[in-house]
Amino acid sequence: MWVYVVTSFTRYNVVGRKARAAFHQAITKDGFFQLHDNLYVRYCSTASNANMHKERVKTMIPERWCDISVIMSADSQENNVYHSLKRKRLRDVVYGKHGDVEFF
């Protein structure tokens, strides 16, 4: 069973940034890995283990400055999802109609 944690912290003030950093440390210490800037993932072998980690995440949530969703999905539901963790950058990217930006 997979447990996904989707976060949205405010970054407009120091308190929100500190809350995000504390949550990041706590959730990675619990065994989640960061798939994206605001997405954490953990695999659990049983549903009861997944529920335990969901309850742990609920205790880590700060009182303010964030919106957090916990999504649980079974392996049978994951069969239809394709994850590619490889990233390839394109070199021939054309910006606008003139190509590269030129400074005179």
C-alpha atoms as a PDB file:
ATOM      1  CA  MET A   1       0.000   0.000   0.000  1.00  0.00           C
ATOM      2  CA  TRP A   2       1.297   3.448  -0.916  1.00  0.00           C
ATOM      3  CA  VAL A   3       0.881   6.551   1.240  1.00  0.00           C
ATOM      4  CA  TYR A   4       1.141   9.931  -0.517  1.00  0.00           C
ATOM      5  CA  VAL A   5       1.377  13.182   1.429  1.00  0.00           C
ATOM      6  CA  VAL A   6       0.664  16.349  -0.562  1.00  0.00           C
ATOM      7  CA  THR A   7       1.609  19.589   1.168  1.00  0.00           C
ATOM      8  CA  SER A   8       1.080  23.267   0.557  1.00  0.00           C
ATOM      9  CA  PHE A   9       2.948  25.544   2.938  1.00  0.00           C
ATOM     10  CA  THR A  10       2.964  29.310   2.839  1.00  0.00           C
ATOM     11  CA  ARG A  11       6.345  30.751   1.913  1.00  0.00           C
ATOM     12  CA  TYR A  12       5.526  34.405   2.408  1.00  0.00           C
ATOM     13  CA  ASN A  13       6.700  34.632   5.988  1.00  0.00           C
ATOM     14  CA  VAL A  14       9.445  33.194   8.158  1.00  0.00           C
ATOM     15  CA  VAL A  15       7.074  31.205  10.374  1.00  0.00           C
ATOM     16  CA  GLY A  16       5.630  29.318   7.387  1.00  0.00           C
ATOM     17  CA  ARG A  17       9.070  28.492   6.019  1.00  0.00           C
ATOM     18  CA  LYS A  18      10.217  27.229   9.421  1.00  0.00           C
ATOM     19  CA  ALA A  19       7.066  25.101   9.726  1.00  0.00           C
ATOM     20  CA  ARG A  20       7.771  23.595   6.293  1.00  0.00           C
ATOM     21  CA  ALA A  21      11.377  22.791   7.237  1.00  0.00           C
ATOM     22  CA  ALA A  22      10.308  21.150  10.517  1.00  0.00           C
ATOM     23  CA  PHE A  23       7.622  19.100   8.733  1.00  0.00           C
ATOM     24  CA  HIS A  24      10.140  18.036   6.063  1.00  0.00           C
ATOM     25  CA  GLN A  25      12.594  16.814   8.703  1.00  0.00           C
ATOM     26  CA  ALA A  26       9.897  14.943  10.618  1.00  0.00           C
ATOM     27  CA  ILE A  27       8.362  13.219   7.602  1.00  0.00           C
ATOM     28  CA  THR A  28      11.688  12.146   6.096  1.00  0.00           C
ATOM     29  CA  LYS A  29      12.700  10.783   9.492  1.00  0.00           C
ATOM     30  CA  ASP A  30       9.506   8.669   9.401  1.00  0.00           C
ATOM     31  CA  GLY A  31      10.640   7.012   6.165  1.00  0.00           C
ATOM     32  CA  PHE A  32       8.925   9.071   3.471  1.00  0.00           C
ATOM     33  CA  PHE A  33      10.956  10.223   0.506  1.00  0.00           C
ATOM     34  CA  GLN A  34      10.411  13.442  -1.359  1.00  0.00           C
ATOM     35  CA  LEU A  35       9.137  12.780  -4.849  1.00  0.00           C
ATOM     36  CA  HIS A  36       8.586  16.440  -5.663  1.00  0.00           C
ATOM     37  CA  ASP A  37       8.797  19.772  -3.858  1.00  0.00           C
ATOM     38  CA  ASN A  38       5.469  19.217  -2.101  1.00  0.00           C
ATOM     39  CA  LEU A  39       4.906  15.456  -2.524  1.00  0.00           C
ATOM     40  CA  TYR A  40       6.156  12.735  -0.181  1.00  0.00           C
ATOM     41  CA  VAL A  41       5.742   8.982  -0.748  1.00  0.00           C
ATOM     42  CA  ARG A  42       6.149   5.858   1.371  1.00  0.00           C
ATOM     43  CA  TYR A  43       5.449   2.199   0.669  1.00  0.00           C
ATOM     44  CA  CYS A  44       3.842   0.172   3.452  1.00  0.00           C
ATOM     45  CA  SER A  45       3.515  -3.604   3.358  1.00  0.00           C
ATOM     46  CA  THR A  46       0.109  -3.781   5.075  1.00  0.00           C
ATOM     47  CA  ALA A  47      -2.953  -1.574   5.401  1.00  0.00           C
ATOM     48  CA  SER A  48      -2.551  -1.360   9.183  1.00  0.00           C
ATOM     49  CA  ASN A  49       1.033  -0.151   8.737  1.00  0.00           C
ATOM     50  CA  ALA A  50      -0.203   2.482   6.260  1.00  0.00           C
ATOM     51  CA  ASN A  51      -2.862   3.623   8.732  1.00  0.00           C
ATOM     52  CA  MET A  52      -0.191   3.917  11.426  1.00  0.00           C
ATOM     53  CA  HIS A  53       1.930   6.182   9.212  1.00  0.00           C
ATOM     54  CA  LYS A  54      -1.147   8.229   8.282  1.00  0.00           C
ATOM     55  CA  GLU A  55      -1.820   8.819  11.975  1.00  0.00           C
ATOM     56  CA  ARG A  56       1.836   9.801  12.482  1.00  0.00           C
ATOM     57  CA  VAL A  57       1.575  12.343   9.681  1.00  0.00           C
ATOM     58  CA  LYS A  58      -1.549  13.766  11.327  1.00  0.00           C
ATOM     59  CA  THR A  59       0.461  14.417  14.505  1.00  0.00           C
ATOM     60  CA  MET A  60       3.237  16.153  12.507  1.00  0.00           C
ATOM     61  CA  ILE A  61       0.922  18.711  10.887  1.00  0.00           C
ATOM     62  CA  PRO A  62       1.495  22.233  12.241  1.00  0.00           C
ATOM     63  CA  GLU A  63      -1.459  24.192  13.573  1.00  0.00           C
ATOM     64  CA  ARG A  64      -1.210  26.922  10.942  1.00  0.00           C
ATOM     65  CA  TRP A  65       0.473  27.861   7.671  1.00  0.00           C
ATOM     66  CA  CYS A  66      -0.264  24.722   5.660  1.00  0.00           C
ATOM     67  CA  ASP A  67      -2.726  22.495   3.828  1.00  0.00           C
ATOM     68  CA  ILE A  68      -1.871  18.787   3.865  1.00  0.00           C
ATOM     69  CA  SER A  69      -3.625  15.838   2.214  1.00  0.00           C
ATOM     70  CA  VAL A  70      -2.866  12.169   2.854  1.00  0.00           C
ATOM     71  CA  ILE A  71      -3.762   9.773   0.029  1.00  0.00           C
ATOM     72  CA  MET A  72      -3.578   6.008   0.396  1.00  0.00           C
ATOM     73  CA  SER A  73      -3.740   3.611  -2.529  1.00  0.00           C
ATOM     74  CA  ALA A  74      -3.364  -0.149  -2.809  1.00  0.00           C
ATOM     75  CA  ASP A  75      -1.000  -1.903  -5.200  1.00  0.00           C
ATOM     76  CA  SER A  76      -3.891  -2.966  -7.410  1.00  0.00           C
ATOM     77  CA  GLN A  77      -4.774   0.698  -7.878  1.00  0.00           C
ATOM     78  CA  GLU A  78      -1.123   1.532  -8.595  1.00  0.00           C
ATOM     79  CA  ASN A  79      -0.997  -0.844 -11.577  1.00  0.00           C
ATOM     80  CA  ASN A  80      -2.664   1.794 -13.744  1.00  0.00           C
ATOM     81  CA  VAL A  81      -0.233   4.548 -12.725  1.00  0.00           C
ATOM     82  CA  TYR A  82       3.110   4.979 -14.473  1.00  0.00           C
ATOM     83  CA  HIS A  83       5.936   6.691 -12.589  1.00  0.00           C
ATOM     84  CA  SER A  84       9.071   7.784 -14.420  1.00  0.00           C
ATOM     85  CA  LEU A  85      11.759   9.176 -12.175  1.00  0.00           C
ATOM     86  CA  LYS A  86      14.185   9.900 -15.018  1.00  0.00           C
ATOM     87  CA  ARG A  87      14.443  13.440 -16.274  1.00  0.00           C
ATOM     88  CA  LYS A  88      15.946  14.403 -19.608  1.00  0.00           C
ATOM     89  CA  ARG A  89      16.434  17.997 -20.634  1.00  0.00           C
ATOM     90  CA  LEU A  90      16.063  19.133 -24.183  1.00  0.00           C
ATOM     91  CA  ARG A  91      18.917  21.132 -25.658  1.00  0.00           C
ATOM     92  CA  ASP A  92      17.101  22.460 -28.692  1.00  0.00           C
ATOM     93  CA  VAL A  93      14.577  24.614 -26.875  1.00  0.00           C
ATOM     94  CA  VAL A  94      13.459  27.634 -28.873  1.00  0.00           C
ATOM     95  CA  TYR A  95      12.200  30.593 -26.907  1.00  0.00           C
ATOM     96  CA  GLY A  96       9.904  32.855 -28.880  1.00  0.00           C
ATOM     97  CA  LYS A  97      10.111  33.279 -32.621  1.00  0.00           C
ATOM     98  CA  HIS A  98      13.681  34.615 -32.700  1.00  0.00           C
ATOM     99  CA  GLY A  99      15.394  31.720 -30.948  1.00  0.00           C
ATOM    100  CA  ASP A 100      18.023  32.692 -28.390  1.00  0.00           C
ATOM    101  CA  VAL A 101      17.933  35.998 -26.574  1.00  0.00           C
ATOM    102  CA  GLU A 102      20.562  38.423 -27.846  1.00  0.00           C
ATOM    103  CA  PHE A 103      21.952  41.418 -26.008  1.00  0.00           C
ATOM    104  CA  PHE A 104      23.575  44.259 -27.968  1.00  0.00           C
END
